[in-house]
Amino acid sequence: MNQEEPPKKIPFSLEVLFLSFLGVGFAPFAPGTFGTLATLPFLYFYAQFNLPSFFLLPFALLLTVISCLVADFVQKRLHVHDPSWIVIDEVVGMLLTYIIAPGSSLLHFLFIFLLFRFFDITKIWPASFFDKKIRHGAGTILDDVVSGIYAGIVMLLLQYFFPALS
């Protein structure tokens, strides 16, 4: 859960544009849900090429590191911690969910969306640790990394028992 809300007016910068996933984080309600939804078209497009999901792993790792650093920089500059408009963490989390449990059906994408949102909202340990105890920008991002890993593992199990979810 977000501990602080952003100032009334957020100065435009490339960092804010990046962290808000091109402005998606400024949705009038449920920005985390919108950030998660905004990731789905990219993943669906990737899935259409039938490329192995692990090809996305270097990108996901780089995006995670950059997101942690940029989030820390911006949060210090604006004197906020984990404001709701930062949704790049949802993008990273969904990317990891897909890498662990790839698929191409619309049902698959519905399930990874629902699973990721569930784990992102419930913040099962160690996600809760990163969310509550780490004040660096890494805390903002890594709780969603953990949630994405949890969602991916559960989806992988569901795919094993219900192949139609692939």
Protein backbone atom coordinates (compact mmCIF):
# COMPACT_ATOMS: atom_id res chain seq x y z
CA MET A 1 0.00 0.00 0.00
CA ASN A 2 1.23 3.47 -0.76
CA GLN A 3 2.44 5.34 2.28
CA GLU A 4 2.31 8.85 0.88
CA GLU A 5 0.55 10.63 -1.90
CA PRO A 6 2.44 12.86 -4.32
CA PRO A 7 2.41 16.63 -4.13
CA LYS A 8 -0.57 18.29 -5.79
CA LYS A 9 1.48 19.22 -8.85
CA ILE A 10 4.17 16.86 -10.06
CA PRO A 11 6.77 18.54 -12.24
CA PHE A 12 7.00 16.94 -15.66
CA SER A 13 10.21 15.08 -16.31
CA LEU A 14 11.36 12.04 -18.24
CA GLU A 15 11.75 10.25 -14.90
CA VAL A 16 8.12 10.87 -13.96
CA LEU A 17 7.01 9.81 -17.43
CA PHE A 18 9.02 6.58 -17.06
CA LEU A 19 7.84 5.78 -13.53
CA SER A 20 4.20 6.49 -14.41
CA PHE A 21 4.50 4.24 -17.49
CA LEU A 22 3.89 7.06 -19.95
CA GLY A 23 1.31 8.71 -17.69
CA VAL A 24 -0.83 5.63 -16.98
CA GLY A 25 -0.08 6.06 -13.27
CA PHE A 26 -2.06 9.29 -13.27
CA ALA A 27 -5.34 7.47 -13.87
CA PRO A 28 -8.03 9.05 -11.67
CA PHE A 29 -8.54 5.83 -9.70
CA ALA A 30 -6.82 2.45 -9.26
CA PRO A 31 -3.54 3.46 -10.94
CA GLY A 32 -1.92 0.12 -10.04
CA THR A 33 -4.69 -1.73 -11.82
CA PHE A 34 -4.36 0.52 -14.85
CA GLY A 35 -0.58 0.05 -14.84
CA THR A 36 -1.09 -3.71 -14.80
CA LEU A 37 -3.68 -3.52 -17.59
CA ALA A 38 -1.42 -1.30 -19.69
CA THR A 39 1.25 -4.01 -19.64
CA LEU A 40 -1.01 -6.66 -21.14
CA PRO A 41 -0.99 -5.44 -24.77
CA PHE A 42 2.81 -5.52 -24.82
CA LEU A 43 2.90 -9.04 -23.41
CA TYR A 44 0.15 -10.20 -25.76
CA PHE A 45 2.03 -8.74 -28.72
CA TYR A 46 5.24 -10.51 -27.61
CA ALA A 47 3.35 -13.80 -27.20
CA GLN A 48 2.19 -13.66 -30.83
CA PHE A 49 5.79 -14.16 -32.00
CA ASN A 50 6.06 -17.48 -30.11
CA LEU A 51 9.45 -16.48 -28.72
CA PRO A 52 10.61 -18.07 -25.46
CA SER A 53 9.61 -15.95 -22.48
CA PHE A 54 13.11 -16.18 -20.99
CA PHE A 55 14.30 -13.89 -23.82
CA LEU A 56 12.60 -11.16 -21.79
CA LEU A 57 14.63 -11.89 -18.65
CA PRO A 58 17.59 -9.56 -19.39
CA PHE A 59 15.12 -6.77 -20.19
CA ALA A 60 13.18 -7.47 -16.96
CA LEU A 61 16.36 -7.42 -14.88
CA LEU A 62 17.57 -4.19 -16.46
CA LEU A 63 14.13 -2.60 -16.07
CA THR A 64 14.08 -3.61 -12.40
CA VAL A 65 17.47 -2.06 -11.66
CA ILE A 66 16.72 1.14 -13.57
CA SER A 67 13.29 1.41 -11.94
CA CYS A 68 14.77 1.07 -8.45
CA LEU A 69 17.34 3.78 -9.13
CA VAL A 70 14.96 6.20 -10.84
CA ALA A 71 12.28 5.65 -8.19
CA ASP A 72 14.78 6.44 -5.45
CA PHE A 73 15.96 9.58 -7.22
CA VAL A 74 12.44 10.92 -7.88
CA GLN A 75 11.05 10.00 -4.47
CA LYS A 76 13.91 11.84 -2.75
CA ARG A 77 13.48 14.84 -5.03
CA LEU A 78 9.72 15.02 -4.40
CA HIS A 79 9.89 13.92 -0.75
CA VAL A 80 7.48 11.02 -1.21
CA HIS A 81 7.64 7.26 -0.75
CA ASP A 82 5.83 4.86 -3.07
CA PRO A 83 3.27 7.30 -4.46
CA SER A 84 0.36 5.69 -6.29
CA TRP A 85 1.34 7.22 -9.66
CA ILE A 86 4.51 5.09 -9.81
CA VAL A 87 3.29 2.06 -11.78
CA ILE A 88 6.49 0.89 -13.45
CA ASP A 89 6.65 -1.63 -10.60
CA GLU A 90 3.41 -3.20 -11.89
CA VAL A 91 4.99 -3.42 -15.33
CA VAL A 92 8.02 -5.23 -13.91
CA GLY A 93 5.84 -7.54 -11.83
CA MET A 94 3.64 -8.51 -14.77
CA LEU A 95 6.69 -9.04 -16.94
CA LEU A 96 8.11 -11.48 -14.39
CA THR A 97 4.76 -13.25 -14.07
CA TYR A 98 4.74 -13.79 -17.83
CA ILE A 99 8.39 -14.91 -17.94
CA ILE A 100 7.70 -17.60 -15.32
CA ALA A 101 4.38 -18.72 -16.81
CA PRO A 102 4.15 -17.82 -20.50
CA GLY A 103 1.04 -18.32 -22.56
CA SER A 104 -0.82 -16.76 -25.44
CA SER A 105 -4.53 -17.24 -24.86
CA LEU A 106 -6.78 -14.44 -23.69
CA LEU A 107 -7.74 -16.66 -20.74
CA HIS A 108 -4.05 -16.87 -19.82
CA PHE A 109 -3.74 -13.09 -19.79
CA LEU A 110 -6.89 -12.73 -17.70
CA PHE A 111 -5.48 -15.16 -15.14
CA ILE A 112 -2.03 -13.59 -14.91
CA PHE A 113 -3.70 -10.19 -14.50
CA LEU A 114 -5.93 -11.45 -11.67
CA LEU A 115 -3.15 -13.40 -9.96
CA PHE A 116 -0.70 -10.52 -10.11
CA ARG A 117 -3.27 -8.05 -8.75
CA PHE A 118 -4.12 -10.48 -5.94
CA PHE A 119 -0.49 -10.86 -4.87
CA ASP A 120 0.23 -7.14 -5.38
CA ILE A 121 -2.67 -6.17 -3.13
CA THR A 122 -2.15 -8.81 -0.43
CA LYS A 123 1.65 -8.31 -0.26
CA ILE A 124 2.51 -11.75 1.12
CA TRP A 125 5.91 -11.82 2.80
CA PRO A 126 8.58 -10.91 1.68
CA ALA A 127 6.64 -8.43 -0.49
CA SER A 128 5.31 -6.82 2.70
CA PHE A 129 8.87 -6.47 3.99
CA PHE A 130 9.97 -4.54 0.90
CA ASP A 131 6.79 -2.46 0.94
CA LYS A 132 6.97 -1.46 4.61
CA LYS A 133 10.63 -1.61 5.64
CA ILE A 134 12.72 -0.55 2.63
CA ARG A 135 12.59 3.22 2.14
CA HIS A 136 14.91 3.24 -0.89
CA GLY A 137 13.36 3.21 -4.34
CA ALA A 138 14.03 -0.52 -4.31
CA GLY A 139 11.24 -0.93 -1.74
CA THR A 140 8.82 0.67 -4.19
CA ILE A 141 9.75 -1.77 -6.95
CA LEU A 142 10.76 -5.01 -5.25
CA ASP A 143 7.43 -5.71 -3.54
CA ASP A 144 5.95 -6.05 -7.04
CA VAL A 145 8.88 -8.20 -8.15
CA VAL A 146 8.01 -10.63 -5.35
CA SER A 147 4.30 -10.43 -6.22
CA GLY A 148 5.10 -11.13 -9.86
CA ILE A 149 7.17 -14.17 -8.92
CA TYR A 150 4.38 -15.49 -6.70
CA ALA A 151 1.79 -14.93 -9.44
CA GLY A 152 4.02 -16.64 -11.99
CA ILE A 153 4.54 -19.70 -9.79
CA VAL A 154 0.81 -20.05 -9.10
CA MET A 155 0.04 -19.60 -12.79
CA LEU A 156 2.62 -22.23 -13.70
CA LEU A 157 0.91 -24.67 -11.33
CA LEU A 158 -2.50 -23.80 -12.75
CA GLN A 159 -1.19 -24.38 -16.28
CA TYR A 160 0.13 -27.77 -15.25
CA PHE A 161 -3.27 -28.88 -13.97
CA PHE A 162 -5.34 -26.91 -16.51
CA PRO A 163 -3.44 -26.78 -19.85
CA ALA A 164 -6.19 -24.61 -21.36
CA LEU A 165 -4.73 -21.70 -19.36
CA SER A 166 -1.59 -21.65 -21.53
